[in-house]
Amino acid sequence: MNRPATSVQVHRGRVTGVATTQGTVSTPNVVVAAGPWSRAFMTDLGVDIPLQTVRHQVITLHRPEDLAADHAIVGDIVNSLSARPEAGHLTLIGVGEDEQVEVGGHDHGVDVAVA
């Protein structure tokens, strides 16, 4: 569709449509799937969604094809480390403390490790 939503239209407490950059789409149901932007989007409707955007470092490793297709999901709270399998023989490893950031205002760069 490629029609970014600008607001949800409500009449007498019921959803009636979605306003987009290319006009209105009438509908009695709406699914908000705006990820970290959901809170700001819903605030305009008077709905407070308790979301906090965080940034953390992720390492992507490619597993050789002869290793298991999947592996255990690991969460180590003490050492701020997590690992999980991903499609295409990848393993994603999250490291470090989450950094609370504003949506769209975070640093996309890589943090340099300091010994």
N, C-alpha and C. Protein backbone atom coordinates (compact mmCIF):
# COMPACT_ATOMS: atom_id res chain seq x y z
N MET A 1 0.82 -1.19 0.00
CA MET A 1 0.00 0.00 0.00
C MET A 1 0.86 1.26 0.00
N ASN A 2 1.91 1.27 0.78
CA ASN A 2 2.81 2.42 0.87
C ASN A 2 2.07 3.72 1.11
N ARG A 3 1.19 3.69 2.10
CA ARG A 3 0.47 4.88 2.53
C ARG A 3 0.70 5.09 4.02
N PRO A 4 1.70 5.86 4.39
CA PRO A 4 1.96 6.05 5.82
C PRO A 4 0.74 6.62 6.54
N ALA A 5 0.39 5.99 7.67
CA ALA A 5 -0.73 6.46 8.48
C ALA A 5 -0.33 7.72 9.22
N THR A 6 -1.24 8.66 9.29
CA THR A 6 -0.98 9.90 10.02
C THR A 6 -1.82 9.98 11.29
N SER A 7 -2.96 9.28 11.31
CA SER A 7 -3.78 9.23 12.52
C SER A 7 -4.84 8.15 12.38
N VAL A 8 -5.41 7.78 13.52
CA VAL A 8 -6.55 6.86 13.55
C VAL A 8 -7.78 7.70 13.82
N GLN A 9 -8.81 7.50 13.02
CA GLN A 9 -10.04 8.27 13.19
C GLN A 9 -11.01 7.51 14.10
N VAL A 10 -11.55 8.23 15.08
CA VAL A 10 -12.46 7.65 16.06
C VAL A 10 -13.72 8.49 16.13
N HIS A 11 -14.88 7.82 16.15
CA HIS A 11 -16.16 8.51 16.28
C HIS A 11 -16.97 7.78 17.35
N ARG A 12 -17.40 8.54 18.37
CA ARG A 12 -18.17 7.98 19.49
C ARG A 12 -17.45 6.79 20.13
N GLY A 13 -16.14 6.92 20.28
CA GLY A 13 -15.37 5.89 20.96
C GLY A 13 -15.05 4.66 20.14
N ARG A 14 -15.34 4.68 18.83
CA ARG A 14 -15.08 3.52 17.97
C ARG A 14 -14.22 3.95 16.78
N VAL A 15 -13.32 3.08 16.39
CA VAL A 15 -12.48 3.34 15.22
C VAL A 15 -13.34 3.35 13.97
N THR A 16 -13.12 4.37 13.13
CA THR A 16 -13.86 4.44 11.87
C THR A 16 -12.95 4.43 10.65
N GLY A 17 -11.67 4.68 10.88
CA GLY A 17 -10.76 4.69 9.74
C GLY A 17 -9.37 5.12 10.12
N VAL A 18 -8.52 5.15 9.11
CA VAL A 18 -7.13 5.58 9.26
C VAL A 18 -6.86 6.66 8.23
N ALA A 19 -6.39 7.81 8.70
CA ALA A 19 -5.98 8.87 7.78
C ALA A 19 -4.56 8.58 7.33
N THR A 20 -4.32 8.66 6.03
CA THR A 20 -2.99 8.42 5.48
C THR A 20 -2.56 9.63 4.68
N THR A 21 -1.35 9.59 4.20
CA THR A 21 -0.83 10.68 3.38
C THR A 21 -1.53 10.74 2.02
N GLN A 22 -2.31 9.71 1.68
CA GLN A 22 -3.01 9.68 0.40
C GLN A 22 -4.52 9.56 0.55
N GLY A 23 -5.03 9.99 1.69
CA GLY A 23 -6.48 9.92 1.91
C GLY A 23 -6.82 9.03 3.09
N THR A 24 -8.13 8.79 3.25
CA THR A 24 -8.63 8.02 4.38
C THR A 24 -9.03 6.63 3.94
N VAL A 25 -8.70 5.65 4.79
CA VAL A 25 -9.12 4.27 4.58
C VAL A 25 -10.13 3.95 5.67
N SER A 26 -11.38 3.68 5.28
CA SER A 26 -12.42 3.36 6.25
C SER A 26 -12.25 1.93 6.74
N THR A 27 -12.31 1.75 8.06
CA THR A 27 -12.18 0.42 8.64
C THR A 27 -12.65 0.45 10.09
N PRO A 28 -13.28 -0.63 10.56
CA PRO A 28 -13.69 -0.67 11.96
C PRO A 28 -12.58 -1.20 12.88
N ASN A 29 -11.48 -1.70 12.30
CA ASN A 29 -10.39 -2.28 13.08
C ASN A 29 -9.04 -1.74 12.62
N VAL A 30 -8.15 -1.52 13.59
CA VAL A 30 -6.81 -1.04 13.28
C VAL A 30 -5.81 -1.80 14.12
N VAL A 31 -4.73 -2.21 13.51
CA VAL A 31 -3.61 -2.81 14.23
C VAL A 31 -2.45 -1.83 14.10
N VAL A 32 -1.98 -1.33 15.23
CA VAL A 32 -0.84 -0.42 15.23
C VAL A 32 0.42 -1.27 15.35
N ALA A 33 1.23 -1.27 14.31
CA ALA A 33 2.47 -2.04 14.28
C ALA A 33 3.61 -1.10 13.92
N ALA A 34 3.71 -0.02 14.68
CA ALA A 34 4.70 1.02 14.38
C ALA A 34 5.97 0.87 15.21
N GLY A 35 6.13 -0.27 15.88
CA GLY A 35 7.35 -0.51 16.65
C GLY A 35 7.58 0.59 17.67
N PRO A 36 8.79 1.11 17.74
CA PRO A 36 9.10 2.12 18.75
C PRO A 36 8.35 3.43 18.56
N TRP A 37 7.73 3.63 17.41
CA TRP A 37 6.96 4.84 17.16
C TRP A 37 5.51 4.70 17.64
N SER A 38 5.11 3.52 18.09
CA SER A 38 3.73 3.27 18.51
C SER A 38 3.29 4.18 19.64
N ARG A 39 4.15 4.41 20.62
CA ARG A 39 3.76 5.22 21.78
C ARG A 39 3.40 6.64 21.34
N ALA A 40 4.24 7.27 20.55
CA ALA A 40 3.96 8.64 20.10
C ALA A 40 2.70 8.67 19.23
N PHE A 41 2.53 7.68 18.38
CA PHE A 41 1.37 7.63 17.50
C PHE A 41 0.08 7.51 18.31
N MET A 42 0.07 6.65 19.32
CA MET A 42 -1.14 6.42 20.11
C MET A 42 -1.42 7.54 21.12
N THR A 43 -0.39 8.28 21.51
CA THR A 43 -0.58 9.39 22.44
C THR A 43 -1.58 10.40 21.88
N ASP A 44 -1.57 10.60 20.58
CA ASP A 44 -2.52 11.53 19.95
C ASP A 44 -3.97 11.07 20.14
N LEU A 45 -4.18 9.79 20.40
CA LEU A 45 -5.53 9.26 20.64
C LEU A 45 -5.85 9.20 22.13
N GLY A 46 -4.92 9.65 22.94
CA GLY A 46 -5.14 9.61 24.39
C GLY A 46 -4.83 8.26 24.99
N VAL A 47 -4.10 7.43 24.27
CA VAL A 47 -3.74 6.09 24.76
C VAL A 47 -2.25 6.09 25.10
N ASP A 48 -1.93 5.76 26.35
CA ASP A 48 -0.53 5.71 26.77
C ASP A 48 -0.05 4.27 26.74
N ILE A 49 0.85 3.99 25.82
CA ILE A 49 1.46 2.65 25.73
C ILE A 49 2.81 2.73 26.43
N PRO A 50 3.02 1.92 27.47
CA PRO A 50 4.26 2.01 28.24
C PRO A 50 5.46 1.38 27.53
N LEU A 51 5.93 2.03 26.47
CA LEU A 51 7.10 1.57 25.74
C LEU A 51 8.28 2.50 26.00
N GLN A 52 9.46 1.95 26.10
CA GLN A 52 10.68 2.74 26.21
C GLN A 52 11.66 2.23 25.15
N THR A 53 12.15 3.11 24.32
CA THR A 53 13.09 2.73 23.28
C THR A 53 14.48 2.59 23.89
N VAL A 54 15.14 1.48 23.56
CA VAL A 54 16.50 1.26 24.05
C VAL A 54 17.42 0.91 22.89
N ARG A 55 18.69 1.15 23.11
CA ARG A 55 19.73 0.81 22.13
C ARG A 55 20.72 -0.10 22.82
N HIS A 56 21.13 -1.16 22.13
CA HIS A 56 22.21 -1.99 22.65
C HIS A 56 23.00 -2.58 21.48
N GLN A 57 24.18 -3.00 21.78
CA GLN A 57 25.06 -3.54 20.75
C GLN A 57 24.68 -4.97 20.41
N VAL A 58 24.75 -5.32 19.12
CA VAL A 58 24.47 -6.68 18.66
C VAL A 58 25.61 -7.12 17.75
N ILE A 59 26.11 -8.31 18.03
CA ILE A 59 27.14 -8.93 17.20
C ILE A 59 26.45 -9.99 16.36
N THR A 60 26.74 -10.04 15.07
CA THR A 60 26.18 -11.06 14.18
C THR A 60 27.29 -12.02 13.77
N LEU A 61 27.08 -13.31 14.07
CA LEU A 61 28.06 -14.34 13.70
C LEU A 61 27.43 -15.30 12.70
N HIS A 62 28.21 -15.71 11.72
CA HIS A 62 27.75 -16.71 10.75
C HIS A 62 28.25 -18.07 11.19
N ARG A 63 27.30 -19.01 11.42
CA ARG A 63 27.67 -20.38 11.81
C ARG A 63 27.95 -21.21 10.56
N PRO A 64 28.99 -22.02 10.59
CA PRO A 64 29.22 -22.94 9.46
C PRO A 64 28.01 -23.85 9.26
N GLU A 65 27.70 -24.19 8.02
CA GLU A 65 26.51 -24.98 7.72
C GLU A 65 26.54 -26.37 8.33
N ASP A 66 27.73 -26.91 8.63
CA ASP A 66 27.81 -28.24 9.21
C ASP A 66 27.49 -28.26 10.71
N LEU A 67 27.34 -27.09 11.32
CA LEU A 67 26.91 -27.02 12.71
C LEU A 67 25.39 -27.07 12.76
N ALA A 68 24.87 -27.30 13.93
CA ALA A 68 23.42 -27.41 14.10
C ALA A 68 22.71 -26.19 13.53
N ALA A 69 21.55 -26.43 12.92
CA ALA A 69 20.78 -25.33 12.33
C ALA A 69 20.31 -24.35 13.39
N ASP A 70 20.01 -24.85 14.57
CA ASP A 70 19.56 -24.01 15.67
C ASP A 70 20.38 -24.32 16.91
N HIS A 71 20.33 -23.43 17.85
CA HIS A 71 20.97 -23.67 19.14
C HIS A 71 20.13 -23.02 20.22
N ALA A 72 20.51 -23.26 21.44
CA ALA A 72 19.75 -22.73 22.57
C ALA A 72 19.77 -21.21 22.58
N ILE A 73 18.71 -20.63 23.12
CA ILE A 73 18.67 -19.20 23.38
C ILE A 73 19.29 -19.00 24.76
N VAL A 74 20.25 -18.08 24.86
CA VAL A 74 20.98 -17.88 26.10
C VAL A 74 20.74 -16.47 26.61
N GLY A 75 20.48 -16.35 27.89
CA GLY A 75 20.34 -15.05 28.53
C GLY A 75 21.17 -15.03 29.81
N ASP A 76 22.17 -14.19 29.87
CA ASP A 76 23.05 -14.07 31.03
C ASP A 76 22.91 -12.65 31.57
N ILE A 77 22.02 -12.48 32.54
CA ILE A 77 21.74 -11.15 33.08
C ILE A 77 22.95 -10.57 33.81
N VAL A 78 23.67 -11.41 34.54
CA VAL A 78 24.82 -10.94 35.32
C VAL A 78 25.87 -10.30 34.42
N ASN A 79 26.13 -10.91 33.27
CA ASN A 79 27.16 -10.39 32.35
C ASN A 79 26.59 -9.57 31.21
N SER A 80 25.29 -9.24 31.25
CA SER A 80 24.63 -8.44 30.21
C SER A 80 24.89 -8.99 28.82
N LEU A 81 24.56 -10.28 28.63
CA LEU A 81 24.82 -10.95 27.36
C LEU A 81 23.64 -11.84 27.01
N SER A 82 23.26 -11.87 25.74
CA SER A 82 22.24 -12.79 25.28
C SER A 82 22.63 -13.28 23.90
N ALA A 83 22.16 -14.48 23.55
CA ALA A 83 22.45 -15.03 22.22
C ALA A 83 21.24 -15.82 21.76
N ARG A 84 20.98 -15.73 20.45
CA ARG A 84 19.87 -16.50 19.88
C ARG A 84 20.15 -16.81 18.42
N PRO A 85 19.61 -17.94 17.94
CA PRO A 85 19.79 -18.28 16.53
C PRO A 85 18.93 -17.36 15.66
N GLU A 86 19.36 -17.16 14.44
CA GLU A 86 18.63 -16.37 13.45
C GLU A 86 18.70 -17.11 12.12
N ALA A 87 17.76 -16.86 11.23
CA ALA A 87 17.72 -17.53 9.93
C ALA A 87 19.03 -17.32 9.17
N GLY A 88 19.34 -18.24 8.29
CA GLY A 88 20.52 -18.12 7.44
C GLY A 88 21.81 -18.46 8.17
N HIS A 89 21.73 -19.38 9.13
CA HIS A 89 22.91 -19.82 9.89
C HIS A 89 23.58 -18.67 10.64
N LEU A 90 22.78 -17.77 11.17
CA LEU A 90 23.33 -16.66 11.94
C LEU A 90 23.05 -16.84 13.42
N THR A 91 23.90 -16.27 14.24
CA THR A 91 23.69 -16.15 15.66
C THR A 91 23.80 -14.67 16.01
N LEU A 92 22.79 -14.16 16.72
CA LEU A 92 22.81 -12.77 17.18
C LEU A 92 23.19 -12.76 18.65
N ILE A 93 24.18 -11.95 18.99
CA ILE A 93 24.64 -11.83 20.37
C ILE A 93 24.47 -10.38 20.81
N GLY A 94 23.65 -10.18 21.82
CA GLY A 94 23.45 -8.85 22.38
C GLY A 94 24.38 -8.68 23.58
N VAL A 95 25.08 -7.55 23.63
CA VAL A 95 26.02 -7.32 24.72
C VAL A 95 25.83 -5.93 25.31
N GLY A 96 26.15 -5.80 26.57
CA GLY A 96 26.14 -4.49 27.22
C GLY A 96 24.79 -4.10 27.76
N GLU A 97 24.78 -3.04 28.50
CA GLU A 97 23.57 -2.50 29.10
C GLU A 97 22.74 -1.77 28.05
N ASP A 98 21.41 -1.85 28.19
CA ASP A 98 20.54 -1.10 27.30
C ASP A 98 20.68 0.39 27.61
N GLU A 99 20.71 1.17 26.55
CA GLU A 99 20.81 2.64 26.67
C GLU A 99 19.46 3.22 26.26
N GLN A 100 18.77 3.91 27.18
CA GLN A 100 17.48 4.51 26.85
C GLN A 100 17.71 5.69 25.91
N VAL A 101 16.97 5.72 24.81
CA VAL A 101 17.12 6.75 23.79
C VAL A 101 15.76 7.22 23.31
N GLU A 102 15.74 8.37 22.66
CA GLU A 102 14.53 8.85 22.01
C GLU A 102 14.42 8.19 20.63
N VAL A 103 13.19 7.95 20.19
CA VAL A 103 12.98 7.34 18.89
C VAL A 103 13.60 8.20 17.81
N GLY A 104 14.42 7.61 16.98
CA GLY A 104 15.04 8.32 15.86
C GLY A 104 16.24 9.18 16.25
N GLY A 105 16.51 9.34 17.53
CA GLY A 105 17.60 10.20 17.95
C GLY A 105 18.81 9.44 18.47
N HIS A 106 18.86 8.15 18.19
CA HIS A 106 19.96 7.36 18.73
C HIS A 106 21.13 7.25 17.75
N ASP A 107 22.25 6.91 18.29
CA ASP A 107 23.48 6.74 17.53
C ASP A 107 23.46 5.38 16.86
N HIS A 108 23.62 5.33 15.55
CA HIS A 108 23.62 4.08 14.80
C HIS A 108 25.01 3.46 14.75
N GLY A 109 25.99 4.11 15.34
CA GLY A 109 27.36 3.63 15.26
C GLY A 109 27.64 2.49 16.22
N VAL A 110 28.86 2.05 16.20
CA VAL A 110 29.33 0.95 17.04
C VAL A 110 30.12 1.55 18.19
N ASP A 111 29.85 1.08 19.41
CA ASP A 111 30.62 1.52 20.56
C ASP A 111 31.96 0.79 20.57
N VAL A 112 33.01 1.52 20.85
CA VAL A 112 34.35 0.93 20.91
C VAL A 112 34.58 0.42 22.32
N ALA A 113 35.06 -0.82 22.42
CA ALA A 113 35.33 -1.42 23.72
C ALA A 113 36.52 -0.74 24.36
N VAL A 114 36.42 -0.48 25.64
CA VAL A 114 37.52 0.12 26.38
C VAL A 114 38.00 -0.88 27.42
N ALA A 115 39.28 -1.16 27.39
CA ALA A 115 39.84 -2.16 28.33
C ALA A 115 40.21 -1.52 29.63
